[in-house]
Amino acid sequence: EEDKEVLKIEIPISRTVVSTSSGKMLR
């Protein structure tokens, strides 16, 4: 985009609560 590279990350909605591997549950 505009001669620059951008990383596009598409994130699904989770059916269960997800945490980081360190245990943080965020929203």
mmCIF file of all heavy atoms, coordinates in Angstrom:
data_MODEL
# 
_entry.id   MODEL 
# 
loop_
_atom_site.group_PDB 
_atom_site.id 
_atom_site.type_symbol 
_atom_site.label_atom_id 
_atom_site.label_alt_id 
_atom_site.label_comp_id 
_atom_site.label_asym_id 
_atom_site.label_entity_id 
_atom_site.label_seq_id 
_atom_site.pdbx_PDB_ins_code 
_atom_site.Cartn_x 
_atom_site.Cartn_y 
_atom_site.Cartn_z 
_atom_site.occupancy 
_atom_site.B_iso_or_equiv 
_atom_site.pdbx_formal_charge 
_atom_site.auth_seq_id 
_atom_site.auth_comp_id 
_atom_site.auth_asym_id 
_atom_site.auth_atom_id 
_atom_site.pdbx_PDB_model_num 
ATOM 1   N N   . GLU A 1 1  ? 0.872   -1.183  0.000  1.00 0.00 ? 1  GLU A N   1 
ATOM 2   C CA  . GLU A 1 1  ? 0.000   0.000   0.000  1.00 0.00 ? 1  GLU A CA  1 
ATOM 3   C C   . GLU A 1 1  ? 0.906   1.229   0.000  1.00 0.00 ? 1  GLU A C   1 
ATOM 4   O O   . GLU A 1 1  ? 1.826   1.327   0.815  1.00 0.00 ? 1  GLU A O   1 
ATOM 5   C CB  . GLU A 1 1  ? -0.873  -0.029  1.257  1.00 0.00 ? 1  GLU A CB  1 
ATOM 6   C CG  . GLU A 1 1  ? -1.974  0.973   1.296  1.00 0.00 ? 1  GLU A CG  1 
ATOM 7   C CD  . GLU A 1 1  ? -3.212  0.554   0.522  1.00 0.00 ? 1  GLU A CD  1 
ATOM 8   O OE1 . GLU A 1 1  ? -3.536  -0.644  0.463  1.00 0.00 ? 1  GLU A OE1 1 
ATOM 9   O OE2 . GLU A 1 1  ? -3.862  1.452   -0.014 1.00 0.00 ? 1  GLU A OE2 1 
ATOM 10  N N   . GLU A 1 2  ? 0.671   2.144   -0.929 1.00 0.00 ? 2  GLU A N   1 
ATOM 11  C CA  . GLU A 1 2  ? 1.481   3.364   -1.053 1.00 0.00 ? 2  GLU A CA  1 
ATOM 12  C C   . GLU A 1 2  ? 2.973   3.024   -1.153 1.00 0.00 ? 2  GLU A C   1 
ATOM 13  O O   . GLU A 1 2  ? 3.812   3.654   -0.518 1.00 0.00 ? 2  GLU A O   1 
ATOM 14  C CB  . GLU A 1 2  ? 1.208   4.323   0.112  1.00 0.00 ? 2  GLU A CB  1 
ATOM 15  C CG  . GLU A 1 2  ? -0.218  4.828   0.155  1.00 0.00 ? 2  GLU A CG  1 
ATOM 16  C CD  . GLU A 1 2  ? -0.513  5.720   1.349  1.00 0.00 ? 2  GLU A CD  1 
ATOM 17  O OE1 . GLU A 1 2  ? 0.413   6.086   2.093  1.00 0.00 ? 2  GLU A OE1 1 
ATOM 18  O OE2 . GLU A 1 2  ? -1.691  6.060   1.531  1.00 0.00 ? 2  GLU A OE2 1 
ATOM 19  N N   . ASP A 1 3  ? 3.297   1.995   -1.900 1.00 0.00 ? 3  ASP A N   1 
ATOM 20  C CA  . ASP A 1 3  ? 4.680   1.520   -2.104 1.00 0.00 ? 3  ASP A CA  1 
ATOM 21  C C   . ASP A 1 3  ? 5.369   1.070   -0.826 1.00 0.00 ? 3  ASP A C   1 
ATOM 22  O O   . ASP A 1 3  ? 6.596   1.041   -0.748 1.00 0.00 ? 3  ASP A O   1 
ATOM 23  C CB  . ASP A 1 3  ? 5.528   2.590   -2.809 1.00 0.00 ? 3  ASP A CB  1 
ATOM 24  C CG  . ASP A 1 3  ? 5.090   2.787   -4.247 1.00 0.00 ? 3  ASP A CG  1 
ATOM 25  O OD1 . ASP A 1 3  ? 4.648   1.798   -4.872 1.00 0.00 ? 3  ASP A OD1 1 
ATOM 26  O OD2 . ASP A 1 3  ? 5.186   3.919   -4.753 1.00 0.00 ? 3  ASP A OD2 1 
ATOM 27  N N   . LYS A 1 4  ? 4.588   0.713   0.192  1.00 0.00 ? 4  LYS A N   1 
ATOM 28  C CA  . LYS A 1 4  ? 5.145   0.194   1.441  1.00 0.00 ? 4  LYS A CA  1 
ATOM 29  C C   . LYS A 1 4  ? 4.473   -1.131  1.752  1.00 0.00 ? 4  LYS A C   1 
ATOM 30  O O   . LYS A 1 4  ? 3.315   -1.352  1.425  1.00 0.00 ? 4  LYS A O   1 
ATOM 31  C CB  . LYS A 1 4  ? 4.920   1.184   2.577  1.00 0.00 ? 4  LYS A CB  1 
ATOM 32  C CG  . LYS A 1 4  ? 5.685   2.483   2.378  1.00 0.00 ? 4  LYS A CG  1 
ATOM 33  C CD  . LYS A 1 4  ? 5.513   3.390   3.559  1.00 0.00 ? 4  LYS A CD  1 
ATOM 34  C CE  . LYS A 1 4  ? 6.352   4.620   3.386  1.00 0.00 ? 4  LYS A CE  1 
ATOM 35  N NZ  . LYS A 1 4  ? 5.701   5.689   2.672  1.00 0.00 ? 4  LYS A NZ  1 
ATOM 36  N N   . GLU A 1 5  ? 5.233   -2.014  2.413  1.00 0.00 ? 5  GLU A N   1 
ATOM 37  C CA  . GLU A 1 5  ? 4.673   -3.302  2.816  1.00 0.00 ? 5  GLU A CA  1 
ATOM 38  C C   . GLU A 1 5  ? 4.055   -3.179  4.202  1.00 0.00 ? 5  GLU A C   1 
ATOM 39  O O   . GLU A 1 5  ? 4.641   -2.593  5.114  1.00 0.00 ? 5  GLU A O   1 
ATOM 40  C CB  . GLU A 1 5  ? 5.766   -4.367  2.822  1.00 0.00 ? 5  GLU A CB  1 
ATOM 41  C CG  . GLU A 1 5  ? 6.261   -4.710  1.434  1.00 0.00 ? 5  GLU A CG  1 
ATOM 42  C CD  . GLU A 1 5  ? 7.298   -5.808  1.449  1.00 0.00 ? 5  GLU A CD  1 
ATOM 43  O OE1 . GLU A 1 5  ? 8.052   -5.935  2.446  1.00 0.00 ? 5  GLU A OE1 1 
ATOM 44  O OE2 . GLU A 1 5  ? 7.366   -6.549  0.457  1.00 0.00 ? 5  GLU A OE2 1 
ATOM 45  N N   . VAL A 1 6  ? 2.871   -3.748  4.355  1.00 0.00 ? 6  VAL A N   1 
ATOM 46  C CA  . VAL A 1 6  ? 2.133   -3.761  5.618  1.00 0.00 ? 6  VAL A CA  1 
ATOM 47  C C   . VAL A 1 6  ? 1.749   -5.210  5.896  1.00 0.00 ? 6  VAL A C   1 
ATOM 48  O O   . VAL A 1 6  ? 1.352   -5.936  4.980  1.00 0.00 ? 6  VAL A O   1 
ATOM 49  C CB  . VAL A 1 6  ? 0.859   -2.877  5.523  1.00 0.00 ? 6  VAL A CB  1 
ATOM 50  C CG1 . VAL A 1 6  ? -0.019  -3.023  6.747  1.00 0.00 ? 6  VAL A CG1 1 
ATOM 51  C CG2 . VAL A 1 6  ? 1.244   -1.417  5.297  1.00 0.00 ? 6  VAL A CG2 1 
ATOM 52  N N   . LEU A 1 7  ? 1.874   -5.624  7.159  1.00 0.00 ? 7  LEU A N   1 
ATOM 53  C CA  . LEU A 1 7  ? 1.443   -6.970  7.534  1.00 0.00 ? 7  LEU A CA  1 
ATOM 54  C C   . LEU A 1 7  ? -0.015  -6.896  7.967  1.00 0.00 ? 7  LEU A C   1 
ATOM 55  O O   . LEU A 1 7  ? -0.354  -6.210  8.938  1.00 0.00 ? 7  LEU A O   1 
ATOM 56  C CB  . LEU A 1 7  ? 2.304   -7.522  8.671  1.00 0.00 ? 7  LEU A CB  1 
ATOM 57  C CG  . LEU A 1 7  ? 1.946   -8.930  9.137  1.00 0.00 ? 7  LEU A CG  1 
ATOM 58  C CD1 . LEU A 1 7  ? 2.164   -9.954  8.031  1.00 0.00 ? 7  LEU A CD1 1 
ATOM 59  C CD2 . LEU A 1 7  ? 2.761   -9.307  10.359 1.00 0.00 ? 7  LEU A CD2 1 
ATOM 60  N N   . LYS A 1 8  ? -0.869  -7.580  7.226  1.00 0.00 ? 8  LYS A N   1 
ATOM 61  C CA  . LYS A 1 8  ? -2.301  -7.637  7.537  1.00 0.00 ? 8  LYS A CA  1 
ATOM 62  C C   . LYS A 1 8  ? -2.564  -8.948  8.272  1.00 0.00 ? 8  LYS A C   1 
ATOM 63  O O   . LYS A 1 8  ? -2.277  -10.021 7.746  1.00 0.00 ? 8  LYS A O   1 
ATOM 64  C CB  . LYS A 1 8  ? -3.117  -7.580  6.245  1.00 0.00 ? 8  LYS A CB  1 
ATOM 65  C CG  . LYS A 1 8  ? -4.608  -7.699  6.454  1.00 0.00 ? 8  LYS A CG  1 
ATOM 66  C CD  . LYS A 1 8  ? -5.326  -7.686  5.108  1.00 0.00 ? 8  LYS A CD  1 
ATOM 67  C CE  . LYS A 1 8  ? -6.815  -7.811  5.269  1.00 0.00 ? 8  LYS A CE  1 
ATOM 68  N NZ  . LYS A 1 8  ? -7.499  -7.862  3.964  1.00 0.00 ? 8  LYS A NZ  1 
ATOM 69  N N   . ILE A 1 9  ? -3.096  -8.850  9.497  1.00 0.00 ? 9  ILE A N   1 
ATOM 70  C CA  . ILE A 1 9  ? -3.388  -10.035 10.296 1.00 0.00 ? 9  ILE A CA  1 
ATOM 71  C C   . ILE A 1 9  ? -4.896  -10.090 10.531 1.00 0.00 ? 9  ILE A C   1 
ATOM 72  O O   . ILE A 1 9  ? -5.463  -9.207  11.170 1.00 0.00 ? 9  ILE A O   1 
ATOM 73  C CB  . ILE A 1 9  ? -2.642  -10.011 11.647 1.00 0.00 ? 9  ILE A CB  1 
ATOM 74  C CG1 . ILE A 1 9  ? -1.134  -9.848  11.429 1.00 0.00 ? 9  ILE A CG1 1 
ATOM 75  C CG2 . ILE A 1 9  ? -2.941  -11.280 12.446 1.00 0.00 ? 9  ILE A CG2 1 
ATOM 76  C CD1 . ILE A 1 9  ? -0.351  -9.612  12.705 1.00 0.00 ? 9  ILE A CD1 1 
ATOM 77  N N   . GLU A 1 10 ? -5.527  -11.133 9.995  1.00 0.00 ? 10 GLU A N   1 
ATOM 78  C CA  . GLU A 1 10 ? -6.969  -11.324 10.167 1.00 0.00 ? 10 GLU A CA  1 
ATOM 79  C C   . GLU A 1 10 ? -7.193  -12.252 11.355 1.00 0.00 ? 10 GLU A C   1 
ATOM 80  O O   . GLU A 1 10 ? -6.680  -13.375 11.378 1.00 0.00 ? 10 GLU A O   1 
ATOM 81  C CB  . GLU A 1 10 ? -7.570  -11.899 8.895  1.00 0.00 ? 10 GLU A CB  1 
ATOM 82  C CG  . GLU A 1 10 ? -7.431  -10.952 7.713  1.00 0.00 ? 10 GLU A CG  1 
ATOM 83  C CD  . GLU A 1 10 ? -7.886  -11.577 6.426  1.00 0.00 ? 10 GLU A CD  1 
ATOM 84  O OE1 . GLU A 1 10 ? -9.108  -11.574 6.164  1.00 0.00 ? 10 GLU A OE1 1 
ATOM 85  O OE2 . GLU A 1 10 ? -7.010  -12.081 5.692  1.00 0.00 ? 10 GLU A OE2 1 
ATOM 86  N N   . ILE A 1 11 ? -7.961  -11.767 12.326 1.00 0.00 ? 11 ILE A N   1 
ATOM 87  C CA  . ILE A 1 11 ? -8.131  -12.459 13.605 1.00 0.00 ? 11 ILE A CA  1 
ATOM 88  C C   . ILE A 1 11 ? -9.575  -12.933 13.750 1.00 0.00 ? 11 ILE A C   1 
ATOM 89  O O   . ILE A 1 11 ? -10.508 -12.123 13.673 1.00 0.00 ? 11 ILE A O   1 
ATOM 90  C CB  . ILE A 1 11 ? -7.775  -11.512 14.766 1.00 0.00 ? 11 ILE A CB  1 
ATOM 91  C CG1 . ILE A 1 11 ? -6.361  -10.967 14.560 1.00 0.00 ? 11 ILE A CG1 1 
ATOM 92  C CG2 . ILE A 1 11 ? -7.913  -12.184 16.115 1.00 0.00 ? 11 ILE A CG2 1 
ATOM 93  C CD1 . ILE A 1 11 ? -6.190  -9.529  14.936 1.00 0.00 ? 11 ILE A CD1 1 
ATOM 94  N N   . PRO A 1 12 ? -9.768  -14.231 13.960 1.00 0.00 ? 12 PRO A N   1 
ATOM 95  C CA  . PRO A 1 12 ? -11.145 -14.729 14.131 1.00 0.00 ? 12 PRO A CA  1 
ATOM 96  C C   . PRO A 1 12 ? -11.657 -14.429 15.536 1.00 0.00 ? 12 PRO A C   1 
ATOM 97  O O   . PRO A 1 12 ? -10.881 -14.216 16.464 1.00 0.00 ? 12 PRO A O   1 
ATOM 98  C CB  . PRO A 1 12 ? -10.976 -16.243 13.936 1.00 0.00 ? 12 PRO A CB  1 
ATOM 99  C CG  . PRO A 1 12 ? -9.600  -16.516 14.468 1.00 0.00 ? 12 PRO A CG  1 
ATOM 100 C CD  . PRO A 1 12 ? -8.779  -15.310 14.075 1.00 0.00 ? 12 PRO A CD  1 
ATOM 101 N N   . ILE A 1 13 ? -12.966 -14.430 15.685 1.00 0.00 ? 13 ILE A N   1 
ATOM 102 C CA  . ILE A 1 13 ? -13.548 -14.348 17.022 1.00 0.00 ? 13 ILE A CA  1 
ATOM 103 C C   . ILE A 1 13 ? -13.423 -15.736 17.651 1.00 0.00 ? 13 ILE A C   1 
ATOM 104 O O   . ILE A 1 13 ? -13.605 -16.747 16.979 1.00 0.00 ? 13 ILE A O   1 
ATOM 105 C CB  . ILE A 1 13 ? -15.016 -13.875 16.979 1.00 0.00 ? 13 ILE A CB  1 
ATOM 106 C CG1 . ILE A 1 13 ? -15.539 -13.630 18.389 1.00 0.00 ? 13 ILE A CG1 1 
ATOM 107 C CG2 . ILE A 1 13 ? -15.882 -14.833 16.215 1.00 0.00 ? 13 ILE A CG2 1 
ATOM 108 C CD1 . ILE A 1 13 ? -16.888 -12.934 18.427 1.00 0.00 ? 13 ILE A CD1 1 
ATOM 109 N N   . SER A 1 14 ? -13.084 -15.773 18.916 1.00 0.00 ? 14 SER A N   1 
ATOM 110 C CA  . SER A 1 14 ? -12.893 -17.055 19.585 1.00 0.00 ? 14 SER A CA  1 
ATOM 111 C C   . SER A 1 14 ? -14.198 -17.560 20.183 1.00 0.00 ? 14 SER A C   1 
ATOM 112 O O   . SER A 1 14 ? -15.016 -16.773 20.667 1.00 0.00 ? 14 SER A O   1 
ATOM 113 C CB  . SER A 1 14 ? -11.848 -16.911 20.696 1.00 0.00 ? 14 SER A CB  1 
ATOM 114 O OG  . SER A 1 14 ? -11.703 -18.126 21.378 1.00 0.00 ? 14 SER A OG  1 
ATOM 115 N N   . ARG A 1 15 ? -14.361 -18.860 20.179 1.00 0.00 ? 15 ARG A N   1 
ATOM 116 C CA  . ARG A 1 15 ? -15.544 -19.472 20.812 1.00 0.00 ? 15 ARG A CA  1 
ATOM 117 C C   . ARG A 1 15 ? -15.330 -19.704 22.287 1.00 0.00 ? 15 ARG A C   1 
ATOM 118 O O   . ARG A 1 15 ? -16.268 -19.959 23.027 1.00 0.00 ? 15 ARG A O   1 
ATOM 119 C CB  . ARG A 1 15 ? -15.863 -20.800 20.131 1.00 0.00 ? 15 ARG A CB  1 
ATOM 120 C CG  . ARG A 1 15 ? -16.298 -20.618 18.710 1.00 0.00 ? 15 ARG A CG  1 
ATOM 121 C CD  . ARG A 1 15 ? -16.612 -21.932 18.077 1.00 0.00 ? 15 ARG A CD  1 
ATOM 122 N NE  . ARG A 1 15 ? -16.971 -21.719 16.681 1.00 0.00 ? 15 ARG A NE  1 
ATOM 123 C CZ  . ARG A 1 15 ? -17.484 -22.638 15.926 1.00 0.00 ? 15 ARG A CZ  1 
ATOM 124 N NH1 . ARG A 1 15 ? -17.704 -23.842 16.394 1.00 0.00 ? 15 ARG A NH1 1 
ATOM 125 N NH2 . ARG A 1 15 ? -17.779 -22.371 14.680 1.00 0.00 ? 15 ARG A NH2 1 
ATOM 126 N N   . THR A 1 16 ? -14.073 -19.651 22.731 1.00 0.00 ? 16 THR A N   1 
ATOM 127 C CA  . THR A 1 16 ? -13.731 -19.790 24.145 1.00 0.00 ? 16 THR A CA  1 
ATOM 128 C C   . THR A 1 16 ? -12.834 -18.633 24.534 1.00 0.00 ? 16 THR A C   1 
ATOM 129 O O   . THR A 1 16 ? -12.323 -17.917 23.679 1.00 0.00 ? 16 THR A O   1 
ATOM 130 C CB  . THR A 1 16 ? -12.968 -21.109 24.415 1.00 0.00 ? 16 THR A CB  1 
ATOM 131 O OG1 . THR A 1 16 ? -11.740 -21.073 23.693 1.00 0.00 ? 16 THR A OG1 1 
ATOM 132 C CG2 . THR A 1 16 ? -13.777 -22.318 24.008 1.00 0.00 ? 16 THR A CG2 1 
ATOM 133 N N   . VAL A 1 17 ? -12.614 -18.449 25.811 1.00 0.00 ? 17 VAL A N   1 
ATOM 134 C CA  . VAL A 1 17 ? -11.718 -17.395 26.270 1.00 0.00 ? 17 VAL A CA  1 
ATOM 135 C C   . VAL A 1 17 ? -10.282 -17.804 25.960 1.00 0.00 ? 17 VAL A C   1 
ATOM 136 O O   . VAL A 1 17 ? -9.864  -18.921 26.241 1.00 0.00 ? 17 VAL A O   1 
ATOM 137 C CB  . VAL A 1 17 ? -11.893 -17.134 27.787 1.00 0.00 ? 17 VAL A CB  1 
ATOM 138 C CG1 . VAL A 1 17 ? -10.861 -16.127 28.276 1.00 0.00 ? 17 VAL A CG1 1 
ATOM 139 C CG2 . VAL A 1 17 ? -13.298 -16.647 28.080 1.00 0.00 ? 17 VAL A CG2 1 
ATOM 140 N N   . VAL A 1 18 ? -9.544  -16.894 25.365 1.00 0.00 ? 18 VAL A N   1 
ATOM 141 C CA  . VAL A 1 18 ? -8.153  -17.125 24.990 1.00 0.00 ? 18 VAL A CA  1 
ATOM 142 C C   . VAL A 1 18 ? -7.265  -16.281 25.892 1.00 0.00 ? 18 VAL A C   1 
ATOM 143 O O   . VAL A 1 18 ? -7.629  -15.178 26.280 1.00 0.00 ? 18 VAL A O   1 
ATOM 144 C CB  . VAL A 1 18 ? -7.923  -16.735 23.509 1.00 0.00 ? 18 VAL A CB  1 
ATOM 145 C CG1 . VAL A 1 18 ? -6.458  -16.822 23.129 1.00 0.00 ? 18 VAL A CG1 1 
ATOM 146 C CG2 . VAL A 1 18 ? -8.763  -17.602 22.590 1.00 0.00 ? 18 VAL A CG2 1 
ATOM 147 N N   . SER A 1 19 ? -6.092  -16.822 26.223 1.00 0.00 ? 19 SER A N   1 
ATOM 148 C CA  . SER A 1 19 ? -5.114  -16.060 26.994 1.00 0.00 ? 19 SER A CA  1 
ATOM 149 C C   . SER A 1 19 ? -3.773  -16.107 26.282 1.00 0.00 ? 19 SER A C   1 
ATOM 150 O O   . SER A 1 19 ? -3.568  -16.904 25.368 1.00 0.00 ? 19 SER A O   1 
ATOM 151 C CB  . SER A 1 19 ? -4.973  -16.636 28.411 1.00 0.00 ? 19 SER A CB  1 
ATOM 152 O OG  . SER A 1 19 ? -4.300  -17.869 28.382 1.00 0.00 ? 19 SER A OG  1 
ATOM 153 N N   . THR A 1 20 ? -2.877  -15.252 26.728 1.00 0.00 ? 20 THR A N   1 
ATOM 154 C CA  . THR A 1 20 ? -1.503  -15.350 26.245 1.00 0.00 ? 20 THR A CA  1 
ATOM 155 C C   . THR A 1 20 ? -0.884  -16.554 26.933 1.00 0.00 ? 20 THR A C   1 
ATOM 156 O O   . THR A 1 20 ? -1.420  -17.057 27.928 1.00 0.00 ? 20 THR A O   1 
ATOM 157 C CB  . THR A 1 20 ? -0.689  -14.093 26.598 1.00 0.00 ? 20 THR A CB  1 
ATOM 158 O OG1 . THR A 1 20 ? -0.585  -13.987 28.019 1.00 0.00 ? 20 THR A OG1 1 
ATOM 159 C CG2 . THR A 1 20 ? -1.340  -12.836 26.035 1.00 0.00 ? 20 THR A CG2 1 
ATOM 160 N N   . SER A 1 21 ? 0.258   -17.013 26.447 1.00 0.00 ? 21 SER A N   1 
ATOM 161 C CA  . SER A 1 21 ? 0.908   -18.161 27.090 1.00 0.00 ? 21 SER A CA  1 
ATOM 162 C C   . SER A 1 21 ? 1.361   -17.824 28.503 1.00 0.00 ? 21 SER A C   1 
ATOM 163 O O   . SER A 1 21 ? 1.554   -18.715 29.316 1.00 0.00 ? 21 SER A O   1 
ATOM 164 C CB  . SER A 1 21 ? 2.087   -18.653 26.251 1.00 0.00 ? 21 SER A CB  1 
ATOM 165 O OG  . SER A 1 21 ? 3.017   -17.619 26.049 1.00 0.00 ? 21 SER A OG  1 
ATOM 166 N N   . SER A 1 22 ? 1.462   -16.537 28.827 1.00 0.00 ? 22 SER A N   1 
ATOM 167 C CA  . SER A 1 22 ? 1.819   -16.137 30.194 1.00 0.00 ? 22 SER A CA  1 
ATOM 168 C C   . SER A 1 22 ? 0.581   -15.991 31.094 1.00 0.00 ? 22 SER A C   1 
ATOM 169 O O   . SER A 1 22 ? 0.701   -15.671 32.264 1.00 0.00 ? 22 SER A O   1 
ATOM 170 C CB  . SER A 1 22 ? 2.608   -14.826 30.181 1.00 0.00 ? 22 SER A CB  1 
ATOM 171 O OG  . SER A 1 22 ? 1.805   -13.766 29.686 1.00 0.00 ? 22 SER A OG  1 
ATOM 172 N N   . GLY A 1 23 ? -0.621  -16.222 30.540 1.00 0.00 ? 23 GLY A N   1 
ATOM 173 C CA  . GLY A 1 23 ? -1.839  -16.229 31.343 1.00 0.00 ? 23 GLY A CA  1 
ATOM 174 C C   . GLY A 1 23 ? -2.676  -14.959 31.311 1.00 0.00 ? 23 GLY A C   1 
ATOM 175 O O   . GLY A 1 23 ? -3.671  -14.860 32.016 1.00 0.00 ? 23 GLY A O   1 
ATOM 176 N N   . LYS A 1 24 ? -2.327  -13.976 30.476 1.00 0.00 ? 24 LYS A N   1 
ATOM 177 C CA  . LYS A 1 24 ? -3.120  -12.743 30.407 1.00 0.00 ? 24 LYS A CA  1 
ATOM 178 C C   . LYS A 1 24 ? -4.371  -12.968 29.567 1.00 0.00 ? 24 LYS A C   1 
ATOM 179 O O   . LYS A 1 24 ? -4.293  -13.419 28.430 1.00 0.00 ? 24 LYS A O   1 
ATOM 180 C CB  . LYS A 1 24 ? -2.309  -11.611 29.794 1.00 0.00 ? 24 LYS A CB  1 
ATOM 181 C CG  . LYS A 1 24 ? -1.228  -11.083 30.679 1.00 0.00 ? 24 LYS A CG  1 
ATOM 182 C CD  . LYS A 1 24 ? -0.570  -9.881  30.027 1.00 0.00 ? 24 LYS A CD  1 
ATOM 183 C CE  . LYS A 1 24 ? 0.508   -9.332  30.917 1.00 0.00 ? 24 LYS A CE  1 
ATOM 184 N NZ  . LYS A 1 24 ? 1.167   -8.182  30.274 1.00 0.00 ? 24 LYS A NZ  1 
ATOM 185 N N   . MET A 1 25 ? -5.527  -12.645 30.155 1.00 0.00 ? 25 MET A N   1 
ATOM 186 C CA  . MET A 1 25 ? -6.798  -12.703 29.442 1.00 0.00 ? 25 MET A CA  1 
ATOM 187 C C   . MET A 1 25 ? -7.220  -11.269 29.179 1.00 0.00 ? 25 MET A C   1 
ATOM 188 O O   . MET A 1 25 ? -7.448  -10.505 30.114 1.00 0.00 ? 25 MET A O   1 
ATOM 189 C CB  . MET A 1 25 ? -7.850  -13.433 30.270 1.00 0.00 ? 25 MET A CB  1 
ATOM 190 C CG  . MET A 1 25 ? -7.579  -14.905 30.390 1.00 0.00 ? 25 MET A CG  1 
ATOM 191 S SD  . MET A 1 25 ? -8.846  -15.708 31.348 1.00 0.00 ? 25 MET A SD  1 
ATOM 192 C CE  . MET A 1 25 ? -7.835  -16.511 32.563 1.00 0.00 ? 25 MET A CE  1 
ATOM 193 N N   . LEU A 1 26 ? -7.321  -10.903 27.916 1.00 0.00 ? 26 LEU A N   1 
ATOM 194 C CA  . LEU A 1 26 ? -7.579  -9.524  27.530 1.00 0.00 ? 26 LEU A CA  1 
ATOM 195 C C   . LEU A 1 26 ? -8.755  -9.440  26.577 1.00 0.00 ? 26 LEU A C   1 
ATOM 196 O O   . LEU A 1 26 ? -9.127  -10.418 25.949 1.00 0.00 ? 26 LEU A O   1 
ATOM 197 C CB  . LEU A 1 26 ? -6.324  -8.950  26.846 1.00 0.00 ? 26 LEU A CB  1 
ATOM 198 C CG  . LEU A 1 26 ? -5.036  -9.071  27.647 1.00 0.00 ? 26 LEU A CG  1 
ATOM 199 C CD1 . LEU A 1 26 ? -3.828  -8.995  26.736 1.00 0.00 ? 26 LEU A CD1 1 
ATOM 200 C CD2 . LEU A 1 26 ? -4.981  -7.996  28.705 1.00 0.00 ? 26 LEU A CD2 1 
ATOM 201 N N   . ARG A 1 27 ? -9.326  -8.235  26.485 1.00 0.00 ? 27 ARG A N   1 
ATOM 202 C CA  . ARG A 1 27 ? -10.379 -7.960  25.511 1.00 0.00 ? 27 ARG A CA  1 
ATOM 203 C C   . ARG A 1 27 ? -10.246 -6.508  25.071 1.00 0.00 ? 27 ARG A C   1 
ATOM 204 O O   . ARG A 1 27 ? -9.482  -5.751  25.649 1.00 0.00 ? 27 ARG A O   1 
ATOM 205 C CB  . ARG A 1 27 ? -11.770 -8.227  26.090 1.00 0.00 ? 27 ARG A CB  1 
ATOM 206 C CG  . ARG A 1 27 ? -12.157 -7.290  27.211 1.00 0.00 ? 27 ARG A CG  1 
ATOM 207 C CD  . ARG A 1 27 ? -13.553 -7.616  27.737 1.00 0.00 ? 27 ARG A CD  1 
ATOM 208 N NE  . ARG A 1 27 ? -13.867 -6.817  28.888 1.00 0.00 ? 27 ARG A NE  1 
ATOM 209 C CZ  . ARG A 1 27 ? -14.438 -5.619  28.843 1.00 0.00 ? 27 ARG A CZ  1 
ATOM 210 N NH1 . ARG A 1 27 ? -14.755 -5.075  27.695 1.00 0.00 ? 27 ARG A NH1 1 
ATOM 211 N NH2 . ARG A 1 27 ? -14.698 -4.950  29.947 1.00 0.00 ? 27 ARG A NH2 1 
# 
